[in-house]
Amino acid sequence: MSSMSVADAKARFASLVDDAANGQFVTITRHGKPAAMLVSVEAGEAAMRAMAKPRPNFGEFLMSYPGPADGGTHSASAKAFRS
């Protein structure tokens, strides 16, 4: 993966497109901070598919938990946590 400024990327754009098409990731920076990434069409499509997959929110994740493996009995007493 290479990284370069916007000005350098502008000057070498055609070769950067070739690099991305060959599977390399090119990070473009602005003021020293990553601003964009040039990737192949395949990598971009894979990223879009991954982002489009539905993911449960945290509440749904917690509600999907089947419960304690021991059938619901707990060895710790609730009174042990009170002061």
Protein backbone atom coordinates (compact mmCIF):
# COMPACT_ATOMS: atom_id res chain seq x y z
CA MET A 1 0.00 0.00 0.00
CA SER A 2 1.38 3.38 -0.97
CA SER A 3 0.51 6.77 0.42
CA MET A 4 0.94 10.19 -1.18
CA SER A 5 -0.35 13.72 -1.13
CA VAL A 6 -3.11 15.01 -3.36
CA ALA A 7 -0.60 17.01 -5.42
CA ASP A 8 1.61 13.95 -5.99
CA ALA A 9 -1.42 11.80 -6.80
CA LYS A 10 -2.62 14.37 -9.31
CA ALA A 11 0.74 14.30 -11.06
CA ARG A 12 0.84 10.47 -11.17
CA PHE A 13 -2.87 9.72 -11.55
CA ALA A 14 -2.62 7.43 -14.59
CA SER A 15 0.02 5.22 -12.98
CA LEU A 16 -1.95 5.14 -9.70
CA VAL A 17 -5.02 3.89 -11.57
CA ASP A 18 -2.85 1.14 -13.06
CA ASP A 19 -1.53 0.26 -9.56
CA ALA A 20 -5.08 0.10 -8.17
CA ALA A 21 -6.26 -2.03 -11.08
CA ASN A 22 -3.41 -4.44 -10.27
CA GLY A 23 -4.64 -4.84 -6.69
CA GLN A 24 -2.63 -2.23 -4.82
CA PHE A 25 -4.30 0.16 -2.38
CA VAL A 26 -3.24 3.79 -2.75
CA THR A 27 -3.95 6.17 0.14
CA ILE A 28 -4.22 9.84 -0.79
CA THR A 29 -3.49 12.31 1.98
CA ARG A 30 -4.42 15.92 2.52
CA HIS A 31 -2.29 17.90 4.97
CA GLY A 32 -0.66 14.63 6.06
CA LYS A 33 -3.93 12.91 7.01
CA PRO A 34 -5.59 10.12 4.97
CA ALA A 35 -8.41 11.58 2.87
CA ALA A 36 -9.20 8.95 0.25
CA MET A 37 -8.17 5.55 -1.03
CA LEU A 38 -7.86 4.41 -4.61
CA VAL A 39 -8.71 0.71 -4.99
CA SER A 40 -9.60 -1.71 -7.75
CA VAL A 41 -13.19 -2.09 -8.89
CA GLU A 42 -13.28 -5.57 -7.35
CA ALA A 43 -12.13 -4.30 -3.94
CA GLY A 44 -14.58 -1.41 -4.05
CA GLU A 45 -17.50 -3.70 -4.96
CA ALA A 46 -16.54 -6.13 -2.18
CA ALA A 47 -16.50 -3.26 0.31
CA MET A 48 -19.92 -2.05 -0.86
CA ARG A 49 -21.37 -5.57 -0.53
CA ALA A 50 -19.96 -5.89 2.98
CA MET A 51 -21.40 -2.53 4.00
CA ALA A 52 -24.83 -3.40 2.54
CA LYS A 53 -25.24 -6.57 4.63
CA PRO A 54 -27.79 -6.07 7.39
CA ARG A 55 -26.24 -6.21 10.83
CA PRO A 56 -28.19 -6.46 14.08
CA ASN A 57 -28.02 -3.53 16.44
CA PHE A 58 -26.63 -4.08 19.92
CA GLY A 59 -30.07 -4.62 21.48
CA GLU A 60 -30.93 -7.31 18.91
CA PHE A 61 -27.54 -8.92 19.55
CA LEU A 62 -28.22 -9.09 23.29
CA MET A 63 -31.75 -10.41 22.77
CA SER A 64 -30.41 -13.22 20.58
CA TYR A 65 -28.36 -14.63 23.48
CA PRO A 66 -29.91 -18.01 24.37
CA GLY A 67 -29.33 -17.70 28.12
CA PRO A 68 -27.03 -19.34 30.65
CA ALA A 69 -25.62 -22.74 29.72
CA ASP A 70 -26.57 -24.14 33.16
CA GLY A 71 -30.32 -23.80 32.57
CA GLY A 72 -30.83 -20.55 34.43
CA THR A 73 -29.39 -21.31 37.85
CA HIS A 74 -26.73 -18.96 39.09
CA SER A 75 -24.13 -19.83 41.68
CA ALA A 76 -23.68 -16.25 42.90
CA SER A 77 -26.21 -14.84 45.30
CA ALA A 78 -27.78 -11.48 44.43
CA LYS A 79 -27.26 -10.45 48.10
CA ALA A 80 -23.51 -10.84 47.68
CA PHE A 81 -23.47 -7.74 45.48
CA ARG A 82 -25.41 -5.50 47.85
CA SER A 83 -23.72 -3.46 50.55
